[in-house]
Amino acid sequence: MLTIALLALLCASASVNAIQARSSSYNGEYGGSGGKRFSHSGNQLDGPITAIRVRVNRYYIVGLQVRYGKVWSDYVGGTWGDLEEIFLHPGESVIQVSGKYKYYVRKLVFVTDKGRYLPFGKDTGMSFNAVPLYPNTVLRFISGRAGFFINAISLHWDVYPSDCSSC
């Protein structure tokens, strides 16, 4: 009987440690159903997000490109509209992304841990608000679907990379 109790306690302890060790989470997919899938999962190996380019027109988020460390991801989306670009300060991270969508993504708002609010696009459609599930985690990469516009977006969160002295 004592052996079973000890075994149960050991398993419960291992489960708690495994749960506490988790840090990655995911929000999405926000948007419509069209477009070709894209993912920046490999880009996060280049470092944290350091800049974001968003192309917008009168109605939609047309395209996206993200800089990870010092390397820009492939551009996804269409070519019509105005290209806007923001750079994060050294050590600054995105901790929340909200926006609007219907058939396409219409608005994105990036909020940083330094209190900056970085809006792109138009304020119409269904709302979403994405935040990480675990504390002390930040936006590490995006994925989604794109064609002539950004059809849908997903946000992926994890800890800030500790080995990025050159970012």
N, C-alpha and C. Protein backbone atom coordinates (compact mmCIF):
# COMPACT_ATOMS: atom_id res chain seq x y z
N MET A 1 0.83 -1.19 0.00
CA MET A 1 0.00 0.00 0.00
C MET A 1 0.88 1.27 0.00
N LEU A 2 1.92 1.23 0.81
CA LEU A 2 2.84 2.36 0.87
C LEU A 2 3.55 2.55 -0.47
N THR A 3 3.87 1.47 -1.15
CA THR A 3 4.52 1.55 -2.45
C THR A 3 3.62 2.23 -3.47
N ILE A 4 2.35 1.90 -3.47
CA ILE A 4 1.39 2.52 -4.41
C ILE A 4 1.27 4.01 -4.11
N ALA A 5 1.19 4.37 -2.84
CA ALA A 5 1.09 5.78 -2.47
C ALA A 5 2.34 6.55 -2.90
N LEU A 6 3.52 5.96 -2.69
CA LEU A 6 4.75 6.60 -3.12
C LEU A 6 4.82 6.74 -4.63
N LEU A 7 4.39 5.73 -5.35
CA LEU A 7 4.38 5.77 -6.81
C LEU A 7 3.42 6.86 -7.31
N ALA A 8 2.25 6.97 -6.70
CA ALA A 8 1.28 8.01 -7.08
C ALA A 8 1.85 9.40 -6.81
N LEU A 9 2.50 9.56 -5.67
CA LEU A 9 3.10 10.85 -5.33
C LEU A 9 4.23 11.20 -6.30
N LEU A 10 5.03 10.24 -6.68
CA LEU A 10 6.11 10.46 -7.64
C LEU A 10 5.56 10.87 -9.00
N CYS A 11 4.51 10.20 -9.47
CA CYS A 11 3.89 10.54 -10.76
C CYS A 11 3.28 11.94 -10.73
N ALA A 12 2.61 12.27 -9.63
CA ALA A 12 2.01 13.60 -9.50
C ALA A 12 3.08 14.68 -9.50
N SER A 13 4.18 14.42 -8.80
CA SER A 13 5.29 15.38 -8.77
C SER A 13 5.89 15.57 -10.15
N ALA A 14 6.08 14.48 -10.88
CA ALA A 14 6.62 14.57 -12.25
C ALA A 14 5.68 15.34 -13.15
N SER A 15 4.37 15.14 -12.99
CA SER A 15 3.39 15.86 -13.82
C SER A 15 3.42 17.35 -13.54
N VAL A 16 3.52 17.73 -12.28
CA VAL A 16 3.59 19.14 -11.91
C VAL A 16 4.83 19.78 -12.51
N ASN A 17 5.98 19.10 -12.43
CA ASN A 17 7.21 19.64 -12.99
C ASN A 17 7.11 19.78 -14.50
N ALA A 18 6.49 18.84 -15.17
CA ALA A 18 6.33 18.92 -16.62
C ALA A 18 5.43 20.09 -17.00
N ILE A 19 4.38 20.31 -16.24
CA ILE A 19 3.47 21.42 -16.53
C ILE A 19 4.18 22.75 -16.31
N GLN A 20 4.93 22.87 -15.24
CA GLN A 20 5.62 24.12 -14.93
C GLN A 20 6.70 24.43 -15.97
N ALA A 21 7.25 23.42 -16.61
CA ALA A 21 8.33 23.63 -17.57
C ALA A 21 7.81 24.15 -18.91
N ARG A 22 6.53 24.06 -19.17
CA ARG A 22 6.00 24.49 -20.45
C ARG A 22 6.05 26.01 -20.57
N SER A 23 6.33 26.49 -21.79
CA SER A 23 6.37 27.93 -22.00
C SER A 23 5.78 28.35 -23.33
N SER A 24 5.61 27.44 -24.26
CA SER A 24 5.10 27.84 -25.57
C SER A 24 3.58 27.73 -25.61
N SER A 25 2.96 28.66 -26.34
CA SER A 25 1.51 28.62 -26.55
C SER A 25 1.20 29.23 -27.91
N TYR A 26 -0.06 29.18 -28.29
CA TYR A 26 -0.49 29.49 -29.65
C TYR A 26 -1.87 30.11 -29.62
N ASN A 27 -2.11 31.14 -30.43
CA ASN A 27 -3.45 31.72 -30.61
C ASN A 27 -3.77 31.76 -32.09
N GLY A 28 -5.00 31.49 -32.43
CA GLY A 28 -5.43 31.58 -33.83
C GLY A 28 -6.07 30.28 -34.23
N GLU A 29 -6.46 30.27 -35.40
CA GLU A 29 -6.17 31.10 -36.56
C GLU A 29 -7.31 32.09 -36.72
N TYR A 30 -6.96 33.36 -36.94
CA TYR A 30 -7.95 34.43 -37.08
C TYR A 30 -8.02 34.85 -38.53
N GLY A 31 -9.21 34.78 -39.13
CA GLY A 31 -9.37 35.20 -40.51
C GLY A 31 -10.26 34.27 -41.30
N GLY A 32 -10.16 34.38 -42.62
CA GLY A 32 -10.96 33.57 -43.53
C GLY A 32 -10.28 32.27 -43.89
N SER A 33 -10.80 31.61 -44.94
CA SER A 33 -10.35 30.25 -45.25
C SER A 33 -9.43 30.15 -46.46
N GLY A 34 -9.23 31.19 -47.23
CA GLY A 34 -8.43 31.09 -48.45
C GLY A 34 -6.94 31.27 -48.20
N GLY A 35 -6.19 31.31 -49.31
CA GLY A 35 -4.77 31.60 -49.25
C GLY A 35 -3.90 30.37 -49.08
N LYS A 36 -2.61 30.58 -49.27
CA LYS A 36 -1.61 29.53 -49.14
C LYS A 36 -0.96 29.62 -47.76
N ARG A 37 -0.76 28.48 -47.12
CA ARG A 37 -0.19 28.45 -45.77
C ARG A 37 1.25 28.97 -45.76
N PHE A 38 1.58 29.71 -44.69
CA PHE A 38 2.97 30.14 -44.46
C PHE A 38 3.27 29.98 -42.97
N SER A 39 4.53 29.85 -42.65
CA SER A 39 4.95 29.77 -41.25
C SER A 39 6.37 30.32 -41.13
N HIS A 40 6.58 31.10 -40.09
CA HIS A 40 7.90 31.62 -39.78
C HIS A 40 8.57 30.82 -38.66
N SER A 41 8.14 29.58 -38.46
CA SER A 41 8.66 28.80 -37.33
C SER A 41 10.18 28.67 -37.39
N GLY A 42 10.75 28.48 -38.57
CA GLY A 42 12.20 28.38 -38.69
C GLY A 42 12.91 29.70 -38.48
N ASN A 43 12.23 30.81 -38.77
CA ASN A 43 12.85 32.13 -38.63
C ASN A 43 13.17 32.49 -37.19
N GLN A 44 12.42 31.94 -36.24
CA GLN A 44 12.68 32.29 -34.84
C GLN A 44 14.09 31.88 -34.40
N LEU A 45 14.71 30.96 -35.15
CA LEU A 45 16.08 30.56 -34.83
C LEU A 45 17.08 31.67 -35.11
N ASP A 46 16.68 32.68 -35.93
CA ASP A 46 17.54 33.83 -36.23
C ASP A 46 17.53 34.86 -35.11
N GLY A 47 16.63 34.70 -34.14
CA GLY A 47 16.56 35.63 -33.02
C GLY A 47 15.15 36.09 -32.75
N PRO A 48 15.00 37.02 -31.81
CA PRO A 48 13.67 37.54 -31.48
C PRO A 48 13.15 38.45 -32.59
N ILE A 49 11.88 38.75 -32.54
CA ILE A 49 11.30 39.69 -33.48
C ILE A 49 11.86 41.08 -33.18
N THR A 50 12.44 41.72 -34.21
CA THR A 50 13.07 43.03 -34.02
C THR A 50 12.43 44.11 -34.89
N ALA A 51 11.62 43.73 -35.88
CA ALA A 51 10.93 44.71 -36.73
C ALA A 51 9.78 44.01 -37.45
N ILE A 52 8.80 44.81 -37.87
CA ILE A 52 7.63 44.28 -38.57
C ILE A 52 7.28 45.22 -39.71
N ARG A 53 7.06 44.66 -40.89
CA ARG A 53 6.55 45.40 -42.05
C ARG A 53 5.14 44.91 -42.34
N VAL A 54 4.23 45.87 -42.51
CA VAL A 54 2.84 45.54 -42.81
C VAL A 54 2.41 46.39 -44.00
N ARG A 55 1.88 45.73 -45.02
CA ARG A 55 1.33 46.45 -46.18
C ARG A 55 -0.18 46.50 -46.00
N VAL A 56 -0.75 47.71 -46.10
CA VAL A 56 -2.19 47.91 -45.90
C VAL A 56 -2.78 48.65 -47.10
N ASN A 57 -4.06 48.37 -47.37
CA ASN A 57 -4.81 49.19 -48.31
C ASN A 57 -6.02 49.75 -47.57
N ARG A 58 -7.01 50.24 -48.29
CA ARG A 58 -8.17 50.87 -47.65
C ARG A 58 -8.99 49.90 -46.81
N TYR A 59 -8.88 48.60 -47.10
CA TYR A 59 -9.77 47.63 -46.45
C TYR A 59 -9.08 46.52 -45.68
N TYR A 60 -7.87 46.12 -46.07
CA TYR A 60 -7.27 44.90 -45.55
C TYR A 60 -5.79 45.08 -45.20
N ILE A 61 -5.30 44.10 -44.43
CA ILE A 61 -3.87 43.90 -44.29
C ILE A 61 -3.47 43.09 -45.52
N VAL A 62 -2.67 43.68 -46.37
CA VAL A 62 -2.32 43.07 -47.66
C VAL A 62 -1.14 42.12 -47.53
N GLY A 63 -0.11 42.50 -46.76
CA GLY A 63 1.08 41.67 -46.66
C GLY A 63 1.82 41.87 -45.36
N LEU A 64 2.71 40.92 -45.06
CA LEU A 64 3.50 40.93 -43.83
C LEU A 64 4.92 40.47 -44.08
N GLN A 65 5.82 41.05 -43.33
CA GLN A 65 7.20 40.58 -43.30
C GLN A 65 7.74 40.90 -41.91
N VAL A 66 8.45 39.96 -41.31
CA VAL A 66 8.94 40.12 -39.94
C VAL A 66 10.45 39.92 -39.93
N ARG A 67 11.13 40.77 -39.17
CA ARG A 67 12.57 40.60 -39.01
C ARG A 67 12.83 39.87 -37.70
N TYR A 68 13.57 38.78 -37.80
CA TYR A 68 13.95 37.96 -36.65
C TYR A 68 15.45 38.16 -36.45
N GLY A 69 15.83 38.76 -35.33
CA GLY A 69 17.24 39.13 -35.14
C GLY A 69 17.58 40.18 -36.18
N LYS A 70 18.46 39.85 -37.11
CA LYS A 70 18.84 40.78 -38.18
C LYS A 70 18.44 40.27 -39.56
N VAL A 71 17.60 39.23 -39.60
CA VAL A 71 17.23 38.58 -40.86
C VAL A 71 15.73 38.75 -41.11
N TRP A 72 15.37 39.27 -42.29
CA TRP A 72 13.97 39.42 -42.65
C TRP A 72 13.41 38.09 -43.15
N SER A 73 12.19 37.79 -42.76
CA SER A 73 11.49 36.61 -43.27
C SER A 73 11.10 36.86 -44.72
N ASP A 74 10.62 35.83 -45.39
CA ASP A 74 10.03 36.02 -46.71
C ASP A 74 8.79 36.88 -46.57
N TYR A 75 8.54 37.74 -47.55
CA TYR A 75 7.33 38.55 -47.58
C TYR A 75 6.17 37.64 -47.97
N VAL A 76 5.03 37.79 -47.29
CA VAL A 76 3.82 37.04 -47.66
C VAL A 76 2.70 38.02 -47.92
N GLY A 77 1.86 37.71 -48.92
CA GLY A 77 0.71 38.54 -49.24
C GLY A 77 0.87 39.23 -50.57
N GLY A 78 0.01 40.23 -50.78
CA GLY A 78 -0.05 40.95 -52.04
C GLY A 78 0.85 42.18 -52.08
N THR A 79 0.75 42.90 -53.20
CA THR A 79 1.66 44.04 -53.42
C THR A 79 0.95 45.39 -53.49
N TRP A 80 -0.38 45.42 -53.35
CA TRP A 80 -1.10 46.69 -53.46
C TRP A 80 -1.28 47.31 -52.09
N GLY A 81 -0.95 48.58 -51.97
CA GLY A 81 -1.14 49.27 -50.71
C GLY A 81 0.15 49.91 -50.23
N ASP A 82 0.06 50.54 -49.08
CA ASP A 82 1.18 51.25 -48.49
C ASP A 82 1.94 50.34 -47.53
N LEU A 83 3.27 50.35 -47.65
CA LEU A 83 4.10 49.55 -46.76
C LEU A 83 4.50 50.39 -45.55
N GLU A 84 4.18 49.88 -44.37
CA GLU A 84 4.55 50.54 -43.12
C GLU A 84 5.52 49.64 -42.38
N GLU A 85 6.46 50.25 -41.67
CA GLU A 85 7.51 49.48 -41.03
C GLU A 85 7.77 50.04 -39.63
N ILE A 86 7.88 49.16 -38.66
CA ILE A 86 8.23 49.58 -37.30
C ILE A 86 9.39 48.73 -36.81
N PHE A 87 10.26 49.35 -36.04
CA PHE A 87 11.39 48.65 -35.43
C PHE A 87 11.19 48.62 -33.92
N LEU A 88 11.43 47.49 -33.32
CA LEU A 88 11.38 47.39 -31.87
C LEU A 88 12.71 47.89 -31.30
N HIS A 89 12.66 48.45 -30.10
CA HIS A 89 13.88 48.88 -29.42
C HIS A 89 14.63 47.64 -28.95
N PRO A 90 15.94 47.73 -28.75
CA PRO A 90 16.70 46.57 -28.25
C PRO A 90 16.08 46.01 -26.97
N GLY A 91 15.84 44.71 -26.95
CA GLY A 91 15.24 44.06 -25.78
C GLY A 91 13.73 44.18 -25.69
N GLU A 92 13.10 44.95 -26.58
CA GLU A 92 11.64 45.12 -26.57
C GLU A 92 10.99 43.92 -27.25
N SER A 93 9.83 43.49 -26.74
CA SER A 93 9.12 42.34 -27.29
C SER A 93 7.64 42.61 -27.42
N VAL A 94 7.00 41.92 -28.34
CA VAL A 94 5.54 41.97 -28.50
C VAL A 94 4.93 41.01 -27.48
N ILE A 95 4.00 41.52 -26.67
CA ILE A 95 3.37 40.70 -25.63
C ILE A 95 1.86 40.54 -25.83
N GLN A 96 1.31 41.19 -26.86
CA GLN A 96 -0.12 41.09 -27.16
C GLN A 96 -0.33 41.48 -28.61
N VAL A 97 -1.24 40.78 -29.28
CA VAL A 97 -1.64 41.14 -30.64
C VAL A 97 -3.16 41.08 -30.68
N SER A 98 -3.77 42.18 -31.09
CA SER A 98 -5.21 42.19 -31.29
C SER A 98 -5.48 42.61 -32.72
N GLY A 99 -6.72 42.50 -33.13
CA GLY A 99 -7.04 42.88 -34.49
C GLY A 99 -8.48 42.63 -34.84
N LYS A 100 -8.74 42.77 -36.14
CA LYS A 100 -10.09 42.56 -36.70
C LYS A 100 -9.95 41.74 -37.97
N TYR A 101 -10.97 40.95 -38.27
CA TYR A 101 -10.96 40.14 -39.48
C TYR A 101 -12.39 39.86 -39.92
N LYS A 102 -12.54 39.50 -41.17
CA LYS A 102 -13.77 38.91 -41.69
C LYS A 102 -13.30 37.82 -42.64
N TYR A 103 -13.30 38.06 -43.93
CA TYR A 103 -12.75 37.08 -44.87
C TYR A 103 -11.23 37.19 -44.95
N TYR A 104 -10.73 38.36 -44.58
CA TYR A 104 -9.30 38.64 -44.57
C TYR A 104 -8.99 39.37 -43.27
N VAL A 105 -7.72 39.44 -42.93
CA VAL A 105 -7.31 40.22 -41.76
C VAL A 105 -7.41 41.70 -42.13
N ARG A 106 -8.08 42.48 -41.30
CA ARG A 106 -8.32 43.89 -41.59
C ARG A 106 -7.52 44.83 -40.70
N LYS A 107 -7.19 44.38 -39.50
CA LYS A 107 -6.44 45.24 -38.58
C LYS A 107 -5.56 44.37 -37.70
N LEU A 108 -4.33 44.88 -37.41
CA LEU A 108 -3.43 44.26 -36.44
C LEU A 108 -2.91 45.35 -35.52
N VAL A 109 -2.88 45.06 -34.24
CA VAL A 109 -2.32 45.97 -33.25
C VAL A 109 -1.33 45.17 -32.41
N PHE A 110 -0.06 45.57 -32.47
CA PHE A 110 0.99 44.94 -31.70
C PHE A 110 1.24 45.78 -30.46
N VAL A 111 1.24 45.16 -29.28
CA VAL A 111 1.51 45.85 -28.02
C VAL A 111 2.80 45.28 -27.46
N THR A 112 3.71 46.17 -27.05
CA THR A 112 5.02 45.71 -26.57
C THR A 112 5.12 45.80 -25.05
N ASP A 113 6.14 45.15 -24.53
CA ASP A 113 6.40 45.19 -23.09
C ASP A 113 6.94 46.54 -22.63
N LYS A 114 7.20 47.45 -23.55
CA LYS A 114 7.62 48.81 -23.22
C LYS A 114 6.44 49.78 -23.28
N GLY A 115 5.22 49.24 -23.46
CA GLY A 115 4.01 50.06 -23.47
C GLY A 115 3.67 50.68 -24.81
N ARG A 116 4.37 50.28 -25.87
CA ARG A 116 4.03 50.84 -27.19
C ARG A 116 2.87 50.08 -27.81
N TYR A 117 2.04 50.84 -28.51
CA TYR A 117 0.83 50.35 -29.17
C TYR A 117 1.02 50.64 -30.65
N LEU A 118 1.12 49.59 -31.49
CA LEU A 118 1.51 49.74 -32.90
C LEU A 118 0.38 49.23 -33.80
N PRO A 119 -0.54 50.13 -34.23
CA PRO A 119 -1.71 49.70 -35.01
C PRO A 119 -1.48 49.79 -36.52
N PHE A 120 -2.08 48.83 -37.25
CA PHE A 120 -2.05 48.80 -38.71
C PHE A 120 -3.44 48.40 -39.20
N GLY A 121 -3.96 49.08 -40.23
CA GLY A 121 -5.19 48.65 -40.87
C GLY A 121 -6.43 49.39 -40.38
N LYS A 122 -7.58 48.82 -40.74
CA LYS A 122 -8.88 49.45 -40.51
C LYS A 122 -9.64 48.77 -39.38
N ASP A 123 -10.44 49.56 -38.68
CA ASP A 123 -11.14 49.10 -37.48
C ASP A 123 -12.53 48.56 -37.82
N THR A 124 -12.61 47.51 -38.66
CA THR A 124 -13.90 46.89 -38.98
C THR A 124 -13.74 45.38 -38.97
N GLY A 125 -14.81 44.67 -38.58
CA GLY A 125 -14.80 43.22 -38.59
C GLY A 125 -14.91 42.63 -37.20
N MET A 126 -14.73 41.31 -37.13
CA MET A 126 -14.76 40.57 -35.87
C MET A 126 -13.45 40.81 -35.13
N SER A 127 -13.54 41.02 -33.83
CA SER A 127 -12.35 41.30 -33.02
C SER A 127 -11.68 40.03 -32.51
N PHE A 128 -10.37 40.11 -32.33
CA PHE A 128 -9.65 39.06 -31.59
C PHE A 128 -8.60 39.74 -30.73
N ASN A 129 -8.21 39.04 -29.68
CA ASN A 129 -7.17 39.53 -28.78
C ASN A 129 -6.32 38.32 -28.38
N ALA A 130 -5.06 38.32 -28.77
CA ALA A 130 -4.18 37.20 -28.52
C ALA A 130 -3.09 37.58 -27.52
N VAL A 131 -2.98 36.77 -26.48
CA VAL A 131 -1.93 36.94 -25.47
C VAL A 131 -1.35 35.57 -25.16
N PRO A 132 -0.13 35.52 -24.67
CA PRO A 132 0.45 34.21 -24.35
C PRO A 132 -0.25 33.55 -23.15
N LEU A 133 -0.23 32.24 -23.15
CA LEU A 133 -0.84 31.47 -22.07
C LEU A 133 0.04 31.48 -20.82
N TYR A 134 1.35 31.53 -21.01
CA TYR A 134 2.28 31.44 -19.89
C TYR A 134 2.94 32.78 -19.61
N PRO A 135 3.24 33.06 -18.33
CA PRO A 135 3.88 34.34 -17.99
C PRO A 135 5.32 34.41 -18.53
N ASN A 136 5.79 35.63 -18.72
CA ASN A 136 7.16 35.89 -19.16
C ASN A 136 7.46 35.30 -20.53
N THR A 137 6.44 35.21 -21.39
CA THR A 137 6.64 34.76 -22.76
C THR A 137 6.23 35.87 -23.71
N VAL A 138 6.77 35.81 -24.93
CA VAL A 138 6.60 36.88 -25.91
C VAL A 138 6.27 36.27 -27.28
N LEU A 139 5.87 37.12 -28.22
CA LEU A 139 5.62 36.66 -29.58
C LEU A 139 6.93 36.21 -30.20
N ARG A 140 7.01 34.96 -30.61
CA ARG A 140 8.24 34.42 -31.20
C ARG A 140 8.15 34.28 -32.71
N PHE A 141 6.95 33.93 -33.26
CA PHE A 141 6.79 33.88 -34.70
C PHE A 141 5.31 33.87 -35.06
N ILE A 142 5.06 34.12 -36.35
CA ILE A 142 3.68 34.11 -36.86
C ILE A 142 3.56 33.04 -37.94
N SER A 143 2.32 32.64 -38.17
CA SER A 143 1.99 31.75 -39.28
C SER A 143 0.61 32.15 -39.76
N GLY A 144 0.16 31.54 -40.82
CA GLY A 144 -1.17 31.85 -41.33
C GLY A 144 -1.35 31.43 -42.76
N ARG A 145 -2.20 32.18 -43.47
CA ARG A 145 -2.46 31.92 -44.88
C ARG A 145 -2.54 33.26 -45.60
N ALA A 146 -1.98 33.29 -46.81
CA ALA A 146 -1.95 34.54 -47.58
C ALA A 146 -2.07 34.25 -49.06
N GLY A 147 -2.69 35.21 -49.76
CA GLY A 147 -2.77 35.21 -51.21
C GLY A 147 -2.53 36.65 -51.65
N PHE A 148 -3.58 37.27 -52.21
CA PHE A 148 -3.50 38.70 -52.53
C PHE A 148 -3.56 39.56 -51.27
N PHE A 149 -4.05 38.97 -50.17
CA PHE A 149 -4.15 39.63 -48.87
C PHE A 149 -3.70 38.63 -47.81
N ILE A 150 -3.63 39.08 -46.56
CA ILE A 150 -3.42 38.14 -45.46
C ILE A 150 -4.79 37.57 -45.12
N ASN A 151 -4.99 36.31 -45.47
CA ASN A 151 -6.28 35.67 -45.24
C ASN A 151 -6.50 35.34 -43.76
N ALA A 152 -5.44 34.88 -43.09
CA ALA A 152 -5.57 34.48 -41.69
C ALA A 152 -4.20 34.56 -41.03
N ILE A 153 -4.22 34.72 -39.70
CA ILE A 153 -2.96 34.83 -38.96
C ILE A 153 -3.07 34.04 -37.65
N SER A 154 -1.95 33.46 -37.25
CA SER A 154 -1.81 32.78 -35.97
C SER A 154 -0.58 33.33 -35.27
N LEU A 155 -0.61 33.35 -33.95
CA LEU A 155 0.47 33.91 -33.15
C LEU A 155 1.06 32.83 -32.26
N HIS A 156 2.38 32.75 -32.21
CA HIS A 156 3.08 31.71 -31.46
C HIS A 156 3.98 32.37 -30.42
N TRP A 157 3.85 31.94 -29.17
CA TRP A 157 4.50 32.58 -28.03
C TRP A 157 5.49 31.63 -27.37
N ASP A 158 6.57 32.19 -26.85
CA ASP A 158 7.54 31.41 -26.08
C ASP A 158 8.45 32.38 -25.34
N VAL A 159 9.41 31.87 -24.60
CA VAL A 159 10.32 32.73 -23.85
C VAL A 159 11.23 33.49 -24.81
N TYR A 160 11.69 34.65 -24.37
CA TYR A 160 12.63 35.44 -25.14
C TYR A 160 13.94 34.67 -25.22
N PRO A 161 14.57 34.58 -26.41
CA PRO A 161 15.80 33.78 -26.50
C PRO A 161 16.91 34.39 -25.65
N SER A 162 17.53 33.57 -24.85
CA SER A 162 18.57 34.06 -23.93
C SER A 162 19.93 34.21 -24.62
N ASP A 163 20.09 33.65 -25.80
CA ASP A 163 21.40 33.65 -26.48
C ASP A 163 21.45 34.65 -27.62
N CYS A 164 20.84 35.81 -27.45
CA CYS A 164 20.77 36.76 -28.56
C CYS A 164 21.41 38.08 -28.19
N SER A 165 22.72 38.08 -28.02
CA SER A 165 23.42 39.30 -27.64
C SER A 165 23.56 40.27 -28.81
N SER A 166 23.44 39.78 -30.06
CA SER A 166 23.61 40.66 -31.22
C SER A 166 22.31 41.19 -31.78
N CYS A 167 21.18 40.89 -31.15
CA CYS A 167 19.89 41.27 -31.72
C CYS A 167 19.56 42.71 -31.49
